[in-house]
C-alpha atoms as a PDB file:
ATOM      1  CA  UNK A   1      14.119   5.666  82.583  1.00  0.00           C
ATOM      2  CA  UNK A   2      15.459   4.071  79.413  1.00  0.00           C
ATOM      3  CA  UNK A   3      18.446   2.429  81.103  1.00  0.00           C
ATOM      4  CA  UNK A   4      16.250   0.567  83.608  1.00  0.00           C
ATOM      5  CA  UNK A   5      13.827  -0.514  80.883  1.00  0.00           C
ATOM      6  CA  UNK A   6      16.711  -1.920  78.858  1.00  0.00           C
ATOM      7  CA  UNK A   7      17.641  -4.265  81.727  1.00  0.00           C
ATOM      8  CA  UNK A   8      14.230  -5.901  81.359  1.00  0.00           C
ATOM      9  CA  UNK A   9      14.328  -6.481  77.589  1.00  0.00           C
ATOM     10  CA  UNK A  10      17.907  -6.552  76.269  1.00  0.00           C
ATOM     11  CA  UNK A  11      19.426 -10.036  75.977  1.00  0.00           C
ATOM     12  CA  UNK A  12      23.138  -9.794  76.786  1.00  0.00           C
ATOM     13  CA  UNK A  13      25.581 -12.135  75.041  1.00  0.00           C
ATOM     14  CA  UNK A  14      27.972 -12.062  78.014  1.00  0.00           C
ATOM     15  CA  UNK A  15      25.373 -13.741  80.226  1.00  0.00           C
ATOM     16  CA  UNK A  16      24.124 -16.266  77.649  1.00  0.00           C
ATOM     17  CA  UNK A  17      21.390 -14.100  76.153  1.00  0.00           C
ATOM     18  CA  UNK A  18      19.258 -13.434  79.220  1.00  0.00           C
ATOM     19  CA  UNK A  19      18.349 -10.005  80.546  1.00  0.00           C
ATOM     20  CA  UNK A  20      20.340  -8.510  83.411  1.00  0.00           C
ATOM     21  CA  UNK A  21      17.190  -8.612  85.544  1.00  0.00           C
ATOM     22  CA  UNK A  22      16.675 -12.312  84.797  1.00  0.00           C
ATOM     23  CA  UNK A  23      20.274 -12.929  85.848  1.00  0.00           C
ATOM     24  CA  UNK A  24      20.023 -10.780  88.965  1.00  0.00           C
ATOM     25  CA  UNK A  25      16.771 -12.392  90.106  1.00  0.00           C
ATOM     26  CA  UNK A  26      17.954 -15.957  89.432  1.00  0.00           C
ATOM     27  CA  UNK A  27      15.616 -16.728  86.539  1.00  0.00           C
ATOM     28  CA  UNK A  28      18.560 -17.332  84.197  1.00  0.00           C
ATOM     29  CA  UNK A  29      19.063 -20.907  85.443  1.00  0.00           C
ATOM     30  CA  UNK A  30      15.547 -22.007  84.405  1.00  0.00           C
ATOM     31  CA  UNK A  31      15.682 -20.046  81.133  1.00  0.00           C
ATOM     32  CA  UNK A  32      19.015 -21.593  80.153  1.00  0.00           C
ATOM     33  CA  UNK A  33      17.897 -25.108  81.149  1.00  0.00           C
ATOM     34  CA  UNK A  34      14.833 -24.740  78.914  1.00  0.00           C
ATOM     35  CA  UNK A  35      17.003 -23.541  76.013  1.00  0.00           C
ATOM     36  CA  UNK A  36      19.405 -26.442  76.475  1.00  0.00           C
ATOM     37  CA  UNK A  37      16.514 -28.933  76.411  1.00  0.00           C
ATOM     38  CA  UNK A  38      15.076 -27.303  73.288  1.00  0.00           C
ATOM     39  CA  UNK A  39      18.396 -27.400  71.428  1.00  0.00           C
ATOM     40  CA  UNK A  40      19.029 -31.022  72.416  1.00  0.00           C
ATOM     41  CA  UNK A  41      15.526 -32.052  71.315  1.00  0.00           C
ATOM     42  CA  UNK A  42      15.992 -30.237  68.007  1.00  0.00           C
ATOM     43  CA  UNK A  43      19.305 -31.973  67.462  1.00  0.00           C
ATOM     44  CA  UNK A  44      17.776 -35.404  68.131  1.00  0.00           C
ATOM     45  CA  UNK A  45      14.862 -34.646  65.803  1.00  0.00           C
ATOM     46  CA  UNK A  46      17.007 -33.391  62.896  1.00  0.00           C
ATOM     47  CA  UNK A  47      20.630 -34.490  63.446  1.00  0.00           C
ATOM     48  CA  UNK A  48      21.639 -33.755  59.840  1.00  0.00           C
ATOM     49  CA  UNK A  49      21.095 -30.047  60.426  1.00  0.00           C
ATOM     50  CA  UNK A  50      23.705 -29.961  63.190  1.00  0.00           C
ATOM     51  CA  UNK A  51      27.382 -30.003  62.244  1.00  0.00           C
ATOM     52  CA  UNK A  52      28.781 -29.640  65.764  1.00  0.00           C
ATOM     53  CA  UNK A  53      27.762 -29.488  69.393  1.00  0.00           C
ATOM     54  CA  UNK A  54      24.853 -27.359  70.555  1.00  0.00           C
ATOM     55  CA  UNK A  55      25.455 -23.936  72.051  1.00  0.00           C
ATOM     56  CA  UNK A  56      26.725 -23.809  75.615  1.00  0.00           C
ATOM     57  CA  UNK A  57      23.716 -22.825  77.723  1.00  0.00           C
ATOM     58  CA  UNK A  58      25.393 -23.357  81.125  1.00  0.00           C
ATOM     59  CA  UNK A  59      24.711 -20.463  83.498  1.00  0.00           C
ATOM     60  CA  UNK A  60      27.514 -17.956  83.962  1.00  0.00           C
ATOM     61  CA  UNK A  61      28.814 -18.078  87.530  1.00  0.00           C
ATOM     62  CA  UNK A  62      30.658 -14.750  87.738  1.00  0.00           C
ATOM     63  CA  UNK A  63      30.149 -11.610  85.711  1.00  0.00           C
ATOM     64  CA  UNK A  64      32.763  -8.891  85.464  1.00  0.00           C
ATOM     65  CA  UNK A  65      31.668  -5.349  84.792  1.00  0.00           C
ATOM     66  CA  UNK A  66      35.038  -4.405  83.257  1.00  0.00           C
ATOM     67  CA  UNK A  67      36.819  -7.654  82.356  1.00  0.00           C
ATOM     68  CA  UNK A  68      39.980  -5.849  81.287  1.00  0.00           C
ATOM     69  CA  UNK A  69      40.481  -4.313  84.717  1.00  0.00           C
ATOM     70  CA  UNK A  70      42.442  -6.237  87.335  1.00  0.00           C
ATOM     71  CA  UNK A  71      40.810  -4.738  90.442  1.00  0.00           C
ATOM     72  CA  UNK A  72      38.803  -7.877  91.297  1.00  0.00           C
ATOM     73  CA  UNK A  73      35.442  -6.149  90.988  1.00  0.00           C
ATOM     74  CA  UNK A  74      32.719  -8.671  90.142  1.00  0.00           C
ATOM     75  CA  UNK A  75      28.953  -8.626  90.057  1.00  0.00           C
ATOM     76  CA  UNK A  76      26.637 -11.526  90.759  1.00  0.00           C
END
């Protein structure tokens, strides 16, 4: 099934560029911590290449399926 396969490979911007499966299974915390460390190390190594702060790699705590809807439906 293509839809299920996509959840294993597609990096979603709304959940900080991890796959839905990584998010669902709790792997996003370790992935995002590793990215944060990499960005901070890169910034220390070559500070002239950075004009502002590094990207926010903090894990997303709540994800809304339809953020425009006001029905309170959330997914974790």
